[in-house]
Protein backbone atom coordinates (compact mmCIF):
# COMPACT_ATOMS: atom_id res chain seq x y z
CA MET A 1 -6.20 -13.75 -0.72
CA LEU A 2 -2.87 -12.27 -0.23
CA GLN A 3 -1.74 -13.47 -3.21
CA LYS A 4 -4.37 -12.23 -5.27
CA THR A 5 -4.15 -9.05 -3.63
CA LEU A 6 -0.35 -8.66 -4.28
CA GLN A 7 -1.05 -9.66 -8.03
CA PHE A 8 -3.79 -7.04 -8.03
CA LEU A 9 -1.59 -4.43 -7.13
CA GLN A 10 1.12 -5.07 -9.21
CA ASP A 11 -0.55 -5.76 -12.24
CA ASN A 12 -2.42 -2.48 -11.90
CA GLN A 13 1.08 -0.65 -10.80
CA THR A 14 -0.57 2.87 -10.06
CA PHE A 15 -2.95 2.74 -6.77
CA TYR A 16 -4.25 5.23 -4.50
CA LEU A 17 -3.50 5.67 -0.66
CA ALA A 18 -6.03 7.52 1.34
CA THR A 19 -5.10 9.19 4.48
CA SER A 20 -6.70 11.75 6.48
CA GLU A 21 -5.85 15.26 7.93
CA ASN A 22 -7.14 17.74 9.79
CA GLY A 23 -10.29 15.93 9.02
CA ARG A 24 -9.63 15.68 5.64
CA PRO A 25 -8.98 13.27 2.98
CA ARG A 26 -5.35 13.15 1.08
CA VAL A 27 -5.05 10.57 -2.06
CA ARG A 28 -1.66 10.16 -3.45
CA PRO A 29 -0.45 7.79 -6.19
CA PHE A 30 1.95 4.55 -4.75
CA GLY A 31 3.56 2.31 -6.92
CA LEU A 32 5.12 0.09 -4.70
CA VAL A 33 4.14 -3.34 -2.82
CA VAL A 34 5.89 -6.16 -0.96
CA GLU A 35 4.77 -9.32 0.08
CA HIS A 36 7.48 -10.33 3.31
CA ASP A 37 6.05 -12.87 6.05
CA GLY A 38 2.49 -12.83 5.13
CA LYS A 39 2.27 -8.90 5.40
CA LEU A 40 1.86 -6.39 2.08
CA TRP A 41 4.53 -4.05 2.80
CA PHE A 42 4.73 -0.46 1.18
CA CYS A 43 7.19 2.45 1.85
CA THR A 44 7.38 6.25 2.25
CA ALA A 45 9.63 9.09 3.32
CA ASN A 46 9.42 10.20 6.81
CA THR A 47 9.93 13.74 5.21
CA LYS A 48 6.96 13.57 3.28
CA SER A 49 3.35 14.23 4.57
CA VAL A 50 1.65 11.21 4.46
CA TYR A 51 4.08 9.91 6.86
CA ARG A 52 3.06 12.64 9.22
CA GLN A 53 -0.54 11.93 8.13
CA LEU A 54 -0.23 8.24 9.02
CA GLN A 55 1.75 8.68 12.43
CA ALA A 56 -1.42 11.00 13.61
CA ASN A 57 -4.31 8.84 12.17
CA PRO A 58 -2.38 5.14 10.73
CA LEU A 59 -5.80 3.86 9.46
CA VAL A 60 -5.34 3.73 5.65
CA GLU A 61 -7.33 2.90 2.60
CA ILE A 62 -5.99 1.68 -0.64
CA SER A 63 -7.62 1.55 -3.99
CA ALA A 64 -6.48 0.38 -7.41
CA THR A 65 -8.28 -0.25 -10.72
CA SER A 66 -7.43 -2.53 -13.51
CA PRO A 67 -8.02 -1.57 -17.46
CA SER A 68 -10.91 -3.84 -17.57
CA MET A 69 -12.79 -1.73 -14.37
CA ASP A 70 -11.77 -4.42 -11.60
CA TRP A 71 -10.99 -2.87 -8.67
CA ILE A 72 -9.97 -3.34 -4.91
CA ARG A 73 -10.23 -1.94 -1.83
CA LEU A 74 -7.62 -2.70 0.88
CA SER A 75 -7.92 -0.72 4.09
CA GLY A 76 -6.04 -1.83 7.94
CA LYS A 77 -3.77 0.23 10.34
CA ALA A 78 -0.34 1.28 8.97
CA VAL A 79 2.44 -0.18 11.06
CA PHE A 80 5.98 1.17 10.88
CA GLU A 81 9.11 -1.00 11.59
CA ASN A 82 12.35 -0.98 10.65
CA ASN A 83 12.52 -4.19 8.79
CA GLY A 84 15.71 -4.29 6.65
CA ASN A 85 14.78 -7.68 4.85
CA VAL A 86 11.81 -5.40 3.61
CA LYS A 87 13.80 -2.16 2.58
CA ARG A 88 16.37 -4.45 0.67
CA LYS A 89 13.31 -6.40 -0.89
CA ALA A 90 11.53 -2.74 -2.20
CA PHE A 91 14.76 -1.46 -3.77
CA GLU A 92 15.34 -5.16 -5.29
CA THR A 93 11.29 -4.99 -6.22
CA MET A 94 12.23 -1.24 -8.07
CA PRO A 95 15.31 -0.13 -8.51
CA ASN A 96 14.19 3.67 -9.42
CA LEU A 97 13.88 4.39 -5.48
CA SER A 98 17.79 4.41 -5.63
CA ARG A 99 16.52 7.89 -7.70
CA ILE A 100 14.95 8.96 -4.22
CA TYR A 101 16.98 7.41 -1.51
CA LYS A 102 20.39 6.46 -1.05
CA GLY A 103 19.54 2.95 -0.76
CA PRO A 104 17.74 0.66 1.99
CA GLU A 105 19.20 1.95 4.79
CA ASP A 106 18.56 5.76 4.36
CA PRO A 107 17.40 6.81 7.42
CA ALA A 108 14.88 8.69 5.84
CA PHE A 109 13.69 5.58 3.68
CA GLU A 110 10.41 3.91 6.21
CA VAL A 111 8.37 0.98 5.22
CA PHE A 112 5.26 -0.39 6.68
CA TYR A 113 2.26 -2.83 6.51
CA LEU A 114 -1.02 -3.18 6.81
CA ASP A 115 -2.46 -4.80 10.61
CA ASN A 116 -5.80 -6.06 10.60
CA ALA A 117 -6.33 -5.34 6.65
CA GLU A 118 -9.39 -5.82 5.14
CA VAL A 119 -9.77 -6.22 0.78
CA VAL A 120 -12.78 -5.99 -1.12
CA PHE A 121 -12.90 -7.09 -4.73
CA GLN A 122 -15.36 -5.72 -7.31
CA GLY A 123 -16.07 -4.87 -10.78
CA LEU A 124 -17.92 -4.47 -13.62
CA GLY A 125 -18.65 -7.87 -14.48
CA ASN A 126 -20.11 -8.46 -10.96
CA TYR A 127 -21.34 -5.25 -10.14
CA GLY A 128 -24.86 -5.41 -8.19
CA GLN A 129 -23.63 -8.45 -6.63
CA PRO A 130 -21.79 -8.53 -3.03
CA PRO A 131 -18.64 -7.86 -3.10
CA GLU A 132 -15.88 -10.36 -2.23
CA THR A 133 -14.43 -9.50 1.08
CA TYR A 134 -11.57 -11.01 2.92
CA ARG A 135 -9.64 -10.41 5.68
CA LEU A 136 -5.63 -10.68 5.33
């Protein structure tokens, strides 16, 4: 299921990450996901509000929809780790990151994975049926 989830997020390049702040939901578009050591990794800057929100409450949900109206929800606990291999892989996957960061070693560049992740697949084609739910 990890590869199916990764492929869905890569195929539908913009997905939305939800956090909370002061009891209110906060949602923003994300576009980078990489797989490393059996985990899905994402990135942000430690200067952004999303980073502060994830530090205060690491529980997140990601949602993405395909043009054919299939969708997923991916939830888990964001775990930040200073992983140089993942940071380099992120820059290889999305070279445009160099427009935002000085490189993988930029002190503002942070990567995180979802621990205890659950993914739910659903779509118009199987609407009304129980969704496919998996632990990653």
